[in-house]
Structure formats: structure tokens, C-alpha cells
Amino acid sequence: MNPNPWQVAAWIVAVVGGLIAAGLAIYQAFENRKLRERELRWRQAESGKQLIDEIFREPGSNAATLMLDSWHRSYTLPDGTEAKIAWADVIEALHVDSFRREDSQTVYVRDCFDLLFYYLDGLEHFIQAGLTTFEDVRFPTEYYVDMISEDEKEKAIIVAYIQACKYKNIWKFLERFPAWNRHG
């Protein structure tokens, strides 16, 4: 018994149509996944930018970046007085032996760096949580890590300060930078 040619043609059309539909479904699923990945990547980059912007919007952490970026500069302390703070003053304030000093300038420097290190610690947390990537926050933090890492004696004082403050995530964040891992 020979099958009806119309029935055979209908089967062929059904099979070909099914294969085309399956191919289109796979293609659409692939394209949707690529779109979701691009959207995730965009959200991660936006999150990283917002985190960096927050460092510079917050007066204390911004002041810490300025202290890292200049040999001396005038700052308005919380009590309203003006103080010219030099890099040597920063290192002295961050030295664990000066923790008993409570003059307004020393406290101001420590408060500013506490905020900066808090944010750097948080950046690593957000990287580990997948909310941003290291590349999204590498600039401008790399510049400041380079500044912290320039002098081994000063770096040792900063390391002791961070340890005394009990930050946990900041170590992994700092180790991502070549300058931090450079040994004198």
C-alpha cells in the first residue's frame, strides 16, 4: 500500500516546520541569554560607578583621597577650625601609637581614612557578591592604592592601622593591585 502523496507532503512540511520552529526557539533563547548577560554587565558597571561616586560624595572619604593626592592642603575640621594637613601628619595620625591622641586634627585624619577604608572594604564585598566587578572599580582606586604603597615604611603603618580597625574584605581588594603586592 502506497501512502497518499498529500499525506507524505504534509508530514514533510510538519517535520521541516517543527525543525525550523525548534531552531528559532533555540536561537531566541540564545539571544535572550546574551541580552540578559549584557543587561547584567550594564547593571554591574553602573553599580561600580555609583560606589566610586559615593567615595567622592562623602566628605570624609573624599578628604582622605585628597590627603593621599597632595603633600599638604588646608581642611576645615569638624570643630570649624582650619588645619593645614601634610602627608607626614597623616602618617603620624594613622600610626597605632597615636591612637591615644585625641586632638581634632588627628581624629579628623583617622575619621577620613576610616571612611575611605570602609568604602574599599565594601567594594570587595560587592565584587564578591557579583554586584560589580573589579574592572568597574579599578579606576580610580588603583591610583590611591599606588599612593598608599609607594613607601614601605608608610605602607606598614597603614597596614597596622587597617588591622587595628578590623576590616576584613579590604585585604583581598588591595591584593588585586600590582602596586600593593610589590615589595621594596
C-alpha atoms as a PDB file:
ATOM      1  CA  MET A   1       0.000   0.000   0.000  1.00  0.00           C
ATOM      2  CA  ASN A   2       1.439   3.334  -1.026  1.00  0.00           C
ATOM      3  CA  PRO A   3       0.949   6.330   1.251  1.00  0.00           C
ATOM      4  CA  ASN A   4      -1.042   9.218  -0.062  1.00  0.00           C
ATOM      5  CA  PRO A   5       1.370  11.789  -1.628  1.00  0.00           C
ATOM      6  CA  TRP A   6      -0.544  14.617   0.052  1.00  0.00           C
ATOM      7  CA  GLN A   7      -0.140  12.970   3.407  1.00  0.00           C
ATOM      8  CA  VAL A   8       3.618  12.472   2.820  1.00  0.00           C
ATOM      9  CA  ALA A   9       3.944  16.122   1.773  1.00  0.00           C
ATOM     10  CA  ALA A  10       2.069  17.183   4.911  1.00  0.00           C
ATOM     11  CA  TRP A  11       4.413  15.078   7.059  1.00  0.00           C
ATOM     12  CA  ILE A  12       7.463  16.590   5.391  1.00  0.00           C
ATOM     13  CA  VAL A  13       6.104  20.119   5.886  1.00  0.00           C
ATOM     14  CA  ALA A  14       5.293  19.315   9.527  1.00  0.00           C
ATOM     15  CA  VAL A  15       8.784  17.900  10.204  1.00  0.00           C
ATOM     16  CA  VAL A  16      10.563  20.777   8.430  1.00  0.00           C
ATOM     17  CA  GLY A  17       8.293  23.308  10.147  1.00  0.00           C
ATOM     18  CA  GLY A  18       8.967  21.688  13.516  1.00  0.00           C
ATOM     19  CA  LEU A  19      12.724  21.772  12.925  1.00  0.00           C
ATOM     20  CA  ILE A  20      12.572  25.430  11.904  1.00  0.00           C
ATOM     21  CA  ALA A  21      10.426  26.270  14.957  1.00  0.00           C
ATOM     22  CA  ALA A  22      12.858  24.411  17.245  1.00  0.00           C
ATOM     23  CA  GLY A  23      15.811  26.188  15.631  1.00  0.00           C
ATOM     24  CA  LEU A  24      14.131  29.565  16.081  1.00  0.00           C
ATOM     25  CA  ALA A  25      13.318  28.765  19.701  1.00  0.00           C
ATOM     26  CA  ILE A  26      16.941  27.829  20.403  1.00  0.00           C
ATOM     27  CA  TYR A  27      18.176  30.964  18.618  1.00  0.00           C
ATOM     28  CA  GLN A  28      15.768  33.182  20.577  1.00  0.00           C
ATOM     29  CA  ALA A  29      16.781  31.568  23.858  1.00  0.00           C
ATOM     30  CA  PHE A  30      20.450  32.167  22.990  1.00  0.00           C
ATOM     31  CA  GLU A  31      19.777  35.811  22.060  1.00  0.00           C
ATOM     32  CA  ASN A  32      17.727  36.334  25.238  1.00  0.00           C
ATOM     33  CA  ARG A  33      20.575  34.962  27.309  1.00  0.00           C
ATOM     34  CA  LYS A  34      23.071  37.276  25.601  1.00  0.00           C
ATOM     35  CA  LEU A  35      20.720  40.201  26.245  1.00  0.00           C
ATOM     36  CA  ARG A  36      20.373  39.271  29.933  1.00  0.00           C
ATOM     37  CA  GLU A  37      24.163  38.980  30.218  1.00  0.00           C
ATOM     38  CA  ARG A  38      24.613  42.437  28.650  1.00  0.00           C
ATOM     39  CA  GLU A  39      21.973  43.874  30.978  1.00  0.00           C
ATOM     40  CA  LEU A  40      23.666  42.284  33.999  1.00  0.00           C
ATOM     41  CA  ARG A  41      27.027  43.628  32.859  1.00  0.00           C
ATOM     42  CA  TRP A  42      25.486  47.095  32.478  1.00  0.00           C
ATOM     43  CA  ARG A  43      23.988  46.933  35.974  1.00  0.00           C
ATOM     44  CA  GLN A  44      27.341  45.800  37.402  1.00  0.00           C
ATOM     45  CA  ALA A  45      29.163  48.686  35.710  1.00  0.00           C
ATOM     46  CA  GLU A  46      26.536  51.166  36.887  1.00  0.00           C
ATOM     47  CA  SER A  47      26.766  49.788  40.419  1.00  0.00           C
ATOM     48  CA  GLY A  48      30.567  50.145  40.376  1.00  0.00           C
ATOM     49  CA  LYS A  49      30.306  53.734  39.179  1.00  0.00           C
ATOM     50  CA  GLN A  50      27.803  54.555  41.925  1.00  0.00           C
ATOM     51  CA  LEU A  51      30.065  53.012  44.568  1.00  0.00           C
ATOM     52  CA  ILE A  52      33.060  55.032  43.370  1.00  0.00           C
ATOM     53  CA  ASP A  53      30.961  58.194  43.168  1.00  0.00           C
ATOM     54  CA  GLU A  54      29.877  57.629  46.766  1.00  0.00           C
ATOM     55  CA  ILE A  55      33.515  57.697  47.923  1.00  0.00           C
ATOM     56  CA  PHE A  56      33.917  61.153  46.406  1.00  0.00           C
ATOM     57  CA  ARG A  57      30.499  62.444  47.522  1.00  0.00           C
ATOM     58  CA  GLU A  58      31.156  61.571  51.158  1.00  0.00           C
ATOM     59  CA  PRO A  59      33.213  64.478  52.571  1.00  0.00           C
ATOM     60  CA  GLY A  60      35.388  62.352  54.865  1.00  0.00           C
ATOM     61  CA  SER A  61      36.445  59.690  52.379  1.00  0.00           C
ATOM     62  CA  ASN A  62      36.893  62.397  49.736  1.00  0.00           C
ATOM     63  CA  ALA A  63      39.188  64.264  52.130  1.00  0.00           C
ATOM     64  CA  ALA A  64      41.221  61.064  52.581  1.00  0.00           C
ATOM     65  CA  THR A  65      41.687  60.826  48.791  1.00  0.00           C
ATOM     66  CA  LEU A  66      42.822  64.453  48.767  1.00  0.00           C
ATOM     67  CA  MET A  67      45.296  63.728  51.566  1.00  0.00           C
ATOM     68  CA  LEU A  68      46.692  60.860  49.506  1.00  0.00           C
ATOM     69  CA  ASP A  69      46.922  63.119  46.485  1.00  0.00           C
ATOM     70  CA  SER A  70      48.712  66.119  47.989  1.00  0.00           C
ATOM     71  CA  TRP A  71      51.699  66.812  50.187  1.00  0.00           C
ATOM     72  CA  HIS A  72      49.788  69.372  52.213  1.00  0.00           C
ATOM     73  CA  ARG A  73      46.416  71.047  51.990  1.00  0.00           C
ATOM     74  CA  SER A  74      44.072  73.038  54.189  1.00  0.00           C
ATOM     75  CA  TYR A  75      40.953  71.352  55.567  1.00  0.00           C
ATOM     76  CA  THR A  76      38.063  72.566  57.675  1.00  0.00           C
ATOM     77  CA  LEU A  77      37.876  70.337  60.723  1.00  0.00           C
ATOM     78  CA  PRO A  78      34.527  69.342  62.258  1.00  0.00           C
ATOM     79  CA  ASP A  79      35.005  71.940  65.022  1.00  0.00           C
ATOM     80  CA  GLY A  80      35.177  74.650  62.337  1.00  0.00           C
ATOM     81  CA  THR A  81      38.885  75.368  62.595  1.00  0.00           C
ATOM     82  CA  GLU A  82      41.169  75.341  59.565  1.00  0.00           C
ATOM     83  CA  ALA A  83      44.125  72.998  59.586  1.00  0.00           C
ATOM     84  CA  LYS A  84      46.921  72.554  57.104  1.00  0.00           C
ATOM     85  CA  ILE A  85      47.488  68.795  56.981  1.00  0.00           C
ATOM     86  CA  ALA A  86      50.674  67.427  55.466  1.00  0.00           C
ATOM     87  CA  TRP A  87      51.303  63.832  54.447  1.00  0.00           C
ATOM     88  CA  ALA A  88      53.590  63.438  57.479  1.00  0.00           C
ATOM     89  CA  ASP A  89      50.627  64.438  59.689  1.00  0.00           C
ATOM     90  CA  VAL A  90      48.512  61.752  58.010  1.00  0.00           C
ATOM     91  CA  ILE A  91      51.098  59.031  58.636  1.00  0.00           C
ATOM     92  CA  GLU A  92      51.506  60.177  62.233  1.00  0.00           C
ATOM     93  CA  ALA A  93      47.732  60.133  62.806  1.00  0.00           C
ATOM     94  CA  LEU A  94      47.381  56.645  61.317  1.00  0.00           C
ATOM     95  CA  HIS A  95      50.236  55.221  63.387  1.00  0.00           C
ATOM     96  CA  VAL A  96      48.715  52.914  66.003  1.00  0.00           C
ATOM     97  CA  ASP A  97      50.889  54.514  68.681  1.00  0.00           C
ATOM     98  CA  SER A  98      48.964  57.771  68.151  1.00  0.00           C
ATOM     99  CA  PHE A  99      45.558  56.246  68.887  1.00  0.00           C
ATOM    100  CA  ARG A 100      45.590  57.867  72.324  1.00  0.00           C
ATOM    101  CA  ARG A 101      45.950  61.306  70.737  1.00  0.00           C
ATOM    102  CA  GLU A 102      42.577  62.999  70.569  1.00  0.00           C
ATOM    103  CA  ASP A 103      43.392  66.410  69.095  1.00  0.00           C
ATOM    104  CA  SER A 104      40.905  67.463  66.421  1.00  0.00           C
ATOM    105  CA  GLN A 105      43.356  67.185  63.508  1.00  0.00           C
ATOM    106  CA  THR A 106      44.460  63.642  64.366  1.00  0.00           C
ATOM    107  CA  VAL A 107      40.891  62.494  64.934  1.00  0.00           C
ATOM    108  CA  TYR A 108      39.822  64.114  61.654  1.00  0.00           C
ATOM    109  CA  VAL A 109      42.535  62.295  59.683  1.00  0.00           C
ATOM    110  CA  ARG A 110      41.629  58.953  61.273  1.00  0.00           C
ATOM    111  CA  ASP A 111      37.914  59.515  60.647  1.00  0.00           C
ATOM    112  CA  CYS A 112      38.573  60.332  56.992  1.00  0.00           C
ATOM    113  CA  PHE A 113      40.698  57.235  56.445  1.00  0.00           C
ATOM    114  CA  ASP A 114      38.241  55.089  58.385  1.00  0.00           C
ATOM    115  CA  LEU A 115      35.612  56.094  55.838  1.00  0.00           C
ATOM    116  CA  LEU A 116      37.899  55.502  52.864  1.00  0.00           C
ATOM    117  CA  PHE A 117      38.894  52.061  54.120  1.00  0.00           C
ATOM    118  CA  TYR A 118      35.248  51.298  54.907  1.00  0.00           C
ATOM    119  CA  TYR A 119      34.379  52.013  51.274  1.00  0.00           C
ATOM    120  CA  LEU A 120      37.313  49.967  49.944  1.00  0.00           C
ATOM    121  CA  ASP A 121      36.251  47.100  52.192  1.00  0.00           C
ATOM    122  CA  GLY A 122      32.729  47.460  50.817  1.00  0.00           C
ATOM    123  CA  LEU A 123      33.957  47.444  47.213  1.00  0.00           C
ATOM    124  CA  GLU A 124      35.425  43.980  47.740  1.00  0.00           C
ATOM    125  CA  HIS A 125      32.188  42.833  49.343  1.00  0.00           C
ATOM    126  CA  PHE A 126      30.212  43.994  46.299  1.00  0.00           C
ATOM    127  CA  ILE A 127      32.713  42.370  43.927  1.00  0.00           C
ATOM    128  CA  GLN A 128      32.393  39.052  45.761  1.00  0.00           C
ATOM    129  CA  ALA A 129      28.587  39.348  45.720  1.00  0.00           C
ATOM    130  CA  GLY A 130      28.673  39.848  41.935  1.00  0.00           C
ATOM    131  CA  LEU A 131      27.100  43.306  42.131  1.00  0.00           C
ATOM    132  CA  THR A 132      30.087  44.860  40.376  1.00  0.00           C
ATOM    133  CA  THR A 133      33.440  43.733  39.001  1.00  0.00           C
ATOM    134  CA  PHE A 134      36.982  44.705  39.876  1.00  0.00           C
ATOM    135  CA  GLU A 135      37.425  46.306  36.458  1.00  0.00           C
ATOM    136  CA  ASP A 136      34.443  48.561  37.188  1.00  0.00           C
ATOM    137  CA  VAL A 137      36.087  49.981  40.310  1.00  0.00           C
ATOM    138  CA  ARG A 138      39.743  49.665  39.368  1.00  0.00           C
ATOM    139  CA  PHE A 139      39.827  53.284  38.278  1.00  0.00           C
ATOM    140  CA  PRO A 140      40.403  55.486  40.237  1.00  0.00           C
ATOM    141  CA  THR A 141      41.091  53.242  43.246  1.00  0.00           C
ATOM    142  CA  GLU A 142      44.282  51.907  41.668  1.00  0.00           C
ATOM    143  CA  TYR A 143      45.792  55.389  41.841  1.00  0.00           C
ATOM    144  CA  TYR A 144      45.127  55.641  45.578  1.00  0.00           C
ATOM    145  CA  VAL A 145      46.397  52.126  46.276  1.00  0.00           C
ATOM    146  CA  ASP A 146      49.559  53.067  44.372  1.00  0.00           C
ATOM    147  CA  MET A 147      49.919  56.131  46.616  1.00  0.00           C
ATOM    148  CA  ILE A 148      49.466  54.043  49.778  1.00  0.00           C
ATOM    149  CA  SER A 149      52.010  51.525  48.504  1.00  0.00           C
ATOM    150  CA  GLU A 150      54.789  53.915  47.468  1.00  0.00           C
ATOM    151  CA  ASP A 151      56.827  53.852  50.661  1.00  0.00           C
ATOM    152  CA  GLU A 152      57.252  50.548  52.516  1.00  0.00           C
ATOM    153  CA  LYS A 153      57.552  52.154  55.973  1.00  0.00           C
ATOM    154  CA  GLU A 154      54.415  54.231  55.465  1.00  0.00           C
ATOM    155  CA  LYS A 155      52.620  51.246  53.980  1.00  0.00           C
ATOM    156  CA  ALA A 156      53.473  49.227  57.115  1.00  0.00           C
ATOM    157  CA  ILE A 157      51.892  51.956  59.271  1.00  0.00           C
ATOM    158  CA  ILE A 158      48.759  51.904  57.090  1.00  0.00           C
ATOM    159  CA  VAL A 159      48.608  48.092  57.210  1.00  0.00           C
ATOM    160  CA  ALA A 160      48.801  48.174  61.021  1.00  0.00           C
ATOM    161  CA  TYR A 161      46.062  50.816  61.076  1.00  0.00           C
ATOM    162  CA  ILE A 162      43.747  48.748  58.854  1.00  0.00           C
ATOM    163  CA  GLN A 163      44.422  45.695  61.025  1.00  0.00           C
ATOM    164  CA  ALA A 164      43.589  47.688  64.160  1.00  0.00           C
ATOM    165  CA  CYS A 165      40.310  48.794  62.551  1.00  0.00           C
ATOM    166  CA  LYS A 166      39.414  45.124  61.887  1.00  0.00           C
ATOM    167  CA  TYR A 167      38.487  45.476  58.230  1.00  0.00           C
ATOM    168  CA  LYS A 168      38.245  42.032  56.623  1.00  0.00           C
ATOM    169  CA  ASN A 169      37.443  42.373  52.899  1.00  0.00           C
ATOM    170  CA  ILE A 170      39.894  45.173  52.221  1.00  0.00           C
ATOM    171  CA  TRP A 171      42.881  42.790  52.123  1.00  0.00           C
ATOM    172  CA  LYS A 172      41.568  40.868  49.134  1.00  0.00           C
ATOM    173  CA  PHE A 173      40.703  44.140  47.427  1.00  0.00           C
ATOM    174  CA  LEU A 174      44.177  45.604  47.973  1.00  0.00           C
ATOM    175  CA  GLU A 175      45.861  42.384  46.824  1.00  0.00           C
ATOM    176  CA  ARG A 176      44.188  42.802  43.421  1.00  0.00           C
ATOM    177  CA  PHE A 177      46.572  45.696  42.681  1.00  0.00           C
ATOM    178  CA  PRO A 178      50.141  45.076  41.493  1.00  0.00           C
ATOM    179  CA  ALA A 179      51.472  48.049  43.479  1.00  0.00           C
ATOM    180  CA  TRP A 180      50.145  46.611  46.749  1.00  0.00           C
ATOM    181  CA  ASN A 181      51.941  43.317  46.135  1.00  0.00           C
ATOM    182  CA  ARG A 182      55.234  44.989  45.228  1.00  0.00           C
ATOM    183  CA  HIS A 183      57.838  44.512  47.896  1.00  0.00           C
ATOM    184  CA  GLY A 184      60.560  47.084  48.439  1.00  0.00           C
END
